[in-house]
Amino acid sequence: MRSAGARRLCTLLALAPVGAAAQSHADSAAARARVSLRPLASLAVPGAGQLLAHQDRAALYLAAELYTLNRYLALRSAGRHDAQRFRSLAYQVARRGYAAVRRDTVFEYYEQMERYVQSGAFDTDPGAGVAPETDARTYNGAVWLLARRTFWENADSAPPPTSPEYQRALQFYEARAVGPEFLWSWQNADLEWQEYRATIARSDNAFRRAQNQLGLLLANHIVSTVDALISARLAALARRPASLETQLSPQLGWRVTVAF
């Protein structure tokens, strides 16, 4: 009959593989967690995954993120400032005398103010009904010309006002022409009109460049995430720290090196 000490030794030997397997499973789960954590951290904040892996290039991702974000905010601010400026010019110069109360509207309206010196009248006849502007050099006149060319057989020969052709052209005009509250004129204000157009161009350029910065921000997040994912998986496979080193050589071009 076995002694108590022998029985305990047998029990410990039997449990040893089970304990080793459990420890191996725990180590594997921890490794998977580390592989998942670093890319998620870099996706949220570029460089965070590299920082968790104690990699020096984390500072590059973080610096790129801060610089690009700062540029985006600065460009957005400049774009909004110029947008307020050209709207103020429009109201104080071109719309003065037409609008008793300042009202804003869609950007396409300000684009038309950039192209046409005058809006033209909305209704040229104070009587009943709407008599469209006929001067095609003005915005409303151009709209009425387009309506006539679209719905009339001959743009220079008006059908009866009660005809379907005339009524469709009139509906087209009323839907697209500038109404009494938004009429404008840059006449005798050439310098202000030039400044208005230049300010719109600056505002558009600032907003467009801000959108480009958003693209760079997204790219920085993606590159940092992919970098962290590959480095973490390589480290897990090798069971030791691993890193990717990207070098740009004038002779060899791009070169990616895996270091263990």
Protein backbone atom coordinates (compact mmCIF):
# COMPACT_ATOMS: atom_id res chain seq x y z
CA MET A 1 0.00 0.00 0.00
CA ARG A 2 1.25 3.43 -0.95
CA SER A 3 2.19 5.92 1.68
CA ALA A 4 0.41 9.29 1.99
CA GLY A 5 3.50 11.08 0.66
CA ALA A 6 3.59 8.91 -2.46
CA ARG A 7 -0.09 9.58 -3.13
CA ARG A 8 0.43 13.34 -2.86
CA LEU A 9 3.37 13.16 -5.28
CA CYS A 10 1.29 11.26 -7.82
CA THR A 11 -1.49 13.82 -7.53
CA LEU A 12 0.90 16.71 -8.12
CA LEU A 13 2.42 14.98 -11.13
CA ALA A 14 -1.04 14.39 -12.58
CA LEU A 15 -2.08 18.03 -12.11
CA ALA A 16 1.14 19.48 -13.53
CA PRO A 17 0.16 19.15 -17.24
CA VAL A 18 -3.23 20.66 -16.48
CA GLY A 19 -1.63 23.65 -14.76
CA ALA A 20 0.87 24.10 -17.58
CA ALA A 21 -1.92 24.01 -20.16
CA ALA A 22 -3.95 26.56 -18.21
CA GLN A 23 -0.92 28.84 -17.91
CA SER A 24 -0.22 28.49 -21.62
CA HIS A 25 -3.86 29.36 -22.42
CA ALA A 26 -3.69 32.41 -20.15
CA ASP A 27 -0.44 33.55 -21.78
CA SER A 28 -2.00 33.13 -25.22
CA ALA A 29 -5.08 35.14 -24.23
CA ALA A 30 -2.88 37.89 -22.83
CA ALA A 31 -0.85 37.98 -26.04
CA ARG A 32 -4.03 38.26 -28.14
CA ALA A 33 -5.21 41.07 -25.92
CA ARG A 34 -1.94 42.93 -26.45
CA VAL A 35 -2.17 42.41 -30.22
CA SER A 36 -5.69 43.88 -30.22
CA LEU A 37 -4.98 46.71 -27.77
CA ARG A 38 -2.17 48.42 -29.65
CA PRO A 39 -4.00 48.87 -32.99
CA LEU A 40 -7.13 50.10 -31.21
CA ALA A 41 -5.06 52.58 -29.22
CA SER A 42 -3.41 53.86 -32.41
CA LEU A 43 -6.77 54.11 -34.15
CA ALA A 44 -8.01 56.36 -31.37
CA VAL A 45 -4.80 58.38 -30.96
CA PRO A 46 -2.02 57.91 -33.54
CA GLY A 47 1.17 56.84 -31.81
CA ALA A 48 -0.59 55.42 -28.75
CA GLY A 49 -0.05 51.82 -29.88
CA GLN A 50 3.61 52.50 -30.52
CA LEU A 51 3.85 54.17 -27.11
CA LEU A 52 2.48 51.03 -25.45
CA ALA A 53 5.18 49.03 -27.25
CA HIS A 54 7.87 51.52 -26.12
CA GLN A 55 8.69 52.44 -29.72
CA ASP A 56 10.37 55.78 -30.37
CA ARG A 57 8.38 56.56 -33.51
CA ALA A 58 5.28 57.08 -31.37
CA ALA A 59 6.45 60.69 -31.08
CA LEU A 60 6.34 61.07 -34.89
CA TYR A 61 2.70 59.98 -35.10
CA LEU A 62 1.70 62.18 -32.17
CA ALA A 63 3.55 65.19 -33.59
CA ALA A 64 1.95 64.69 -37.01
CA GLU A 65 -1.49 64.47 -35.38
CA LEU A 66 -1.03 67.66 -33.36
CA TYR A 67 0.41 69.63 -36.27
CA THR A 68 -2.27 68.54 -38.76
CA LEU A 69 -5.08 69.15 -36.27
CA ASN A 70 -3.73 72.62 -35.52
CA ARG A 71 -3.55 73.41 -39.26
CA TYR A 72 -7.11 72.18 -39.77
CA LEU A 73 -8.47 74.37 -36.96
CA ALA A 74 -6.50 77.41 -38.17
CA LEU A 75 -7.72 77.02 -41.75
CA ARG A 76 -11.33 76.53 -40.64
CA SER A 77 -11.07 79.69 -38.56
CA ALA A 78 -9.62 81.66 -41.49
CA GLY A 79 -12.34 80.37 -43.81
CA ARG A 80 -15.10 81.39 -41.39
CA HIS A 81 -13.52 84.82 -40.89
CA ASP A 82 -13.43 85.49 -44.64
CA ALA A 83 -16.97 84.12 -45.02
CA GLN A 84 -18.21 86.66 -42.50
CA ARG A 85 -16.22 89.35 -44.31
CA PHE A 86 -17.70 88.77 -47.78
CA ARG A 87 -21.22 88.50 -46.35
CA SER A 88 -20.74 91.84 -44.59
CA LEU A 89 -19.46 93.44 -47.80
CA ALA A 90 -22.45 92.11 -49.69
CA TYR A 91 -24.91 93.59 -47.21
CA GLN A 92 -23.14 96.89 -46.59
CA VAL A 93 -22.39 97.68 -50.25
CA ALA A 94 -24.33 95.68 -52.83
CA ARG A 95 -27.53 95.06 -50.87
CA ARG A 96 -27.68 98.47 -49.24
CA GLY A 97 -30.91 100.18 -50.22
CA TYR A 98 -32.67 96.90 -51.02
CA ALA A 99 -32.77 95.09 -47.66
CA ALA A 100 -33.97 96.86 -44.54
CA VAL A 101 -33.04 93.84 -42.38
CA ARG A 102 -29.93 91.74 -42.88
CA ARG A 103 -30.81 88.18 -43.81
CA ASP A 104 -28.46 85.39 -44.76
CA THR A 105 -29.08 82.68 -47.34
CA VAL A 106 -27.35 79.86 -49.22
CA PHE A 107 -23.80 80.18 -50.53
CA GLU A 108 -24.96 79.88 -54.17
CA TYR A 109 -26.57 83.30 -53.79
CA TYR A 110 -23.20 84.86 -52.94
CA GLU A 111 -21.61 83.03 -55.86
CA GLN A 112 -24.08 84.73 -58.22
CA MET A 113 -23.22 88.10 -56.65
CA GLU A 114 -19.64 87.32 -57.63
CA ARG A 115 -20.59 86.81 -61.30
CA TYR A 116 -23.22 89.48 -61.92
CA VAL A 117 -22.87 93.20 -61.23
CA GLN A 118 -26.61 93.48 -60.64
CA SER A 119 -29.41 91.14 -59.72
CA GLY A 120 -31.96 93.03 -61.80
CA ALA A 121 -35.53 93.56 -60.72
CA PHE A 122 -37.74 90.66 -59.76
CA ASP A 123 -40.92 92.28 -61.07
CA THR A 124 -40.59 95.13 -63.58
CA ASP A 125 -44.31 95.94 -63.57
CA PRO A 126 -45.97 97.21 -60.37
CA GLY A 127 -49.32 95.94 -61.59
CA ALA A 128 -50.89 92.55 -61.04
CA GLY A 129 -48.82 89.48 -61.81
CA VAL A 130 -45.06 89.16 -62.27
CA ALA A 131 -43.27 90.81 -65.19
CA PRO A 132 -39.78 89.23 -65.28
CA GLU A 133 -36.54 91.16 -65.74
CA THR A 134 -35.58 91.29 -69.43
CA ASP A 135 -31.99 92.57 -69.19
CA ALA A 136 -29.94 89.40 -69.67
CA ARG A 137 -26.82 91.13 -68.26
CA THR A 138 -28.40 90.89 -64.81
CA TYR A 139 -28.89 87.67 -62.86
CA ASN A 140 -32.71 87.73 -62.98
CA GLY A 141 -32.62 88.65 -66.65
CA ALA A 142 -30.34 85.66 -67.33
CA VAL A 143 -32.77 83.40 -65.45
CA TRP A 144 -35.69 84.68 -67.53
CA LEU A 145 -33.72 84.14 -70.76
CA LEU A 146 -32.98 80.56 -69.72
CA ALA A 147 -36.68 80.02 -68.92
CA ARG A 148 -37.71 81.32 -72.36
CA ARG A 149 -35.15 79.17 -74.14
CA THR A 150 -36.26 76.12 -72.17
CA PHE A 151 -40.04 76.37 -72.53
CA TRP A 152 -40.76 78.57 -75.56
CA GLU A 153 -40.46 77.52 -79.13
CA ASN A 154 -38.78 80.85 -79.87
CA ALA A 155 -37.12 82.68 -76.97
CA ASP A 156 -37.65 86.05 -78.70
CA SER A 157 -41.31 85.50 -79.52
CA ALA A 158 -43.58 85.37 -76.48
CA PRO A 159 -46.60 83.05 -76.55
CA PRO A 160 -49.86 84.30 -74.98
CA PRO A 161 -49.44 84.90 -71.21
CA THR A 162 -52.19 82.38 -70.51
CA SER A 163 -50.57 79.62 -72.56
CA PRO A 164 -48.99 76.61 -70.81
CA GLU A 165 -45.60 77.48 -72.32
CA TYR A 166 -45.60 80.97 -70.86
CA GLN A 167 -46.84 79.79 -67.47
CA ARG A 168 -44.16 77.09 -67.20
CA ALA A 169 -41.46 79.61 -68.05
CA LEU A 170 -42.88 82.02 -65.47
CA GLN A 171 -42.93 79.31 -62.78
CA PHE A 172 -39.31 78.48 -63.61
CA TYR A 173 -38.38 82.17 -63.25
CA GLU A 174 -40.24 82.69 -59.96
CA ALA A 175 -38.57 79.61 -58.45
CA ARG A 176 -35.01 80.69 -59.34
CA ALA A 177 -34.91 84.48 -59.61
CA VAL A 178 -33.77 86.66 -56.70
CA GLY A 179 -36.73 88.13 -54.82
CA PRO A 180 -37.15 91.74 -53.62
CA GLU A 181 -35.44 91.10 -50.26
CA PHE A 182 -32.22 89.84 -51.87
CA LEU A 183 -31.67 92.22 -54.78
CA TRP A 184 -28.15 93.65 -55.20
CA SER A 185 -26.05 96.02 -57.27
CA TRP A 186 -22.27 96.54 -57.40
CA GLN A 187 -22.64 99.47 -59.76
CA ASN A 188 -20.23 102.32 -58.91
CA ALA A 189 -18.52 100.02 -56.38
CA ASP A 190 -15.85 98.30 -58.46
CA LEU A 191 -13.20 98.28 -55.73
CA GLU A 192 -15.59 96.76 -53.21
CA TRP A 193 -16.69 94.15 -55.78
CA GLN A 194 -13.07 93.17 -56.41
CA GLU A 195 -12.47 92.84 -52.67
CA TYR A 196 -15.67 90.79 -52.36
CA ARG A 197 -14.53 88.32 -55.03
CA ALA A 198 -11.04 88.08 -53.56
CA THR A 199 -12.48 87.39 -50.10
CA ILE A 200 -14.72 84.62 -51.44
CA ALA A 201 -11.69 83.07 -53.14
CA ARG A 202 -9.68 83.18 -49.90
CA SER A 203 -12.56 81.64 -47.94
CA ASP A 204 -13.04 78.84 -50.49
CA ASN A 205 -9.30 78.14 -50.53
CA ALA A 206 -9.09 77.99 -46.73
CA PHE A 207 -12.01 75.55 -46.47
CA ARG A 208 -10.59 73.40 -49.27
CA ARG A 209 -7.19 73.23 -47.58
CA ALA A 210 -8.90 72.39 -44.28
CA GLN A 211 -10.56 69.42 -46.00
CA ASN A 212 -7.12 68.29 -47.18
CA GLN A 213 -5.89 68.39 -43.58
CA LEU A 214 -8.78 66.10 -42.60
CA GLY A 215 -7.53 63.63 -45.19
CA LEU A 216 -4.05 63.78 -43.68
CA LEU A 217 -5.48 63.24 -40.20
CA LEU A 218 -7.31 60.13 -41.39
CA ALA A 219 -4.20 58.83 -43.13
CA ASN A 220 -2.14 59.30 -39.95
CA HIS A 221 -4.69 57.26 -37.96
CA ILE A 222 -4.70 54.46 -40.55
CA VAL A 223 -0.90 54.25 -40.94
CA SER A 224 -0.37 54.25 -37.17
CA THR A 225 -3.02 51.54 -36.74
CA VAL A 226 -1.56 49.28 -39.43
CA ASP A 227 1.94 49.83 -38.06
CA ALA A 228 0.82 48.88 -34.54
CA LEU A 229 -1.10 45.83 -35.79
CA ILE A 230 1.82 44.41 -37.79
CA SER A 231 4.35 45.10 -35.04
CA ALA A 232 2.15 43.50 -32.38
CA ARG A 233 1.52 40.37 -34.46
CA LEU A 234 5.18 39.96 -35.33
CA ALA A 235 6.11 40.35 -31.67
CA ALA A 236 3.51 37.76 -30.69
CA LEU A 237 4.76 35.28 -33.28
CA ALA A 238 8.38 35.74 -32.27
CA ARG A 239 7.46 35.92 -28.56
CA ARG A 240 9.72 38.94 -28.25
CA PRO A 241 9.51 42.61 -29.15
CA ALA A 242 9.41 43.37 -32.84
CA SER A 243 9.21 46.58 -34.79
CA LEU A 244 8.89 47.84 -38.34
CA GLU A 245 11.43 50.33 -39.59
CA THR A 246 10.63 52.28 -42.75
CA GLN A 247 13.52 53.98 -44.52
CA LEU A 248 13.59 56.22 -47.57
CA SER A 249 16.80 55.89 -49.54
CA PRO A 250 17.54 58.00 -52.65
CA GLN A 251 19.20 54.97 -54.24
CA LEU A 252 16.89 52.14 -53.12
CA GLY A 253 13.60 53.94 -52.64
CA TRP A 254 11.30 52.76 -49.87
CA ARG A 255 12.56 49.91 -47.68
CA VAL A 256 10.71 48.22 -44.83
CA THR A 257 12.79 46.30 -42.26
CA VAL A 258 11.43 43.96 -39.58
CA ALA A 259 13.58 44.05 -36.43
CA PHE A 260 13.31 41.51 -33.57
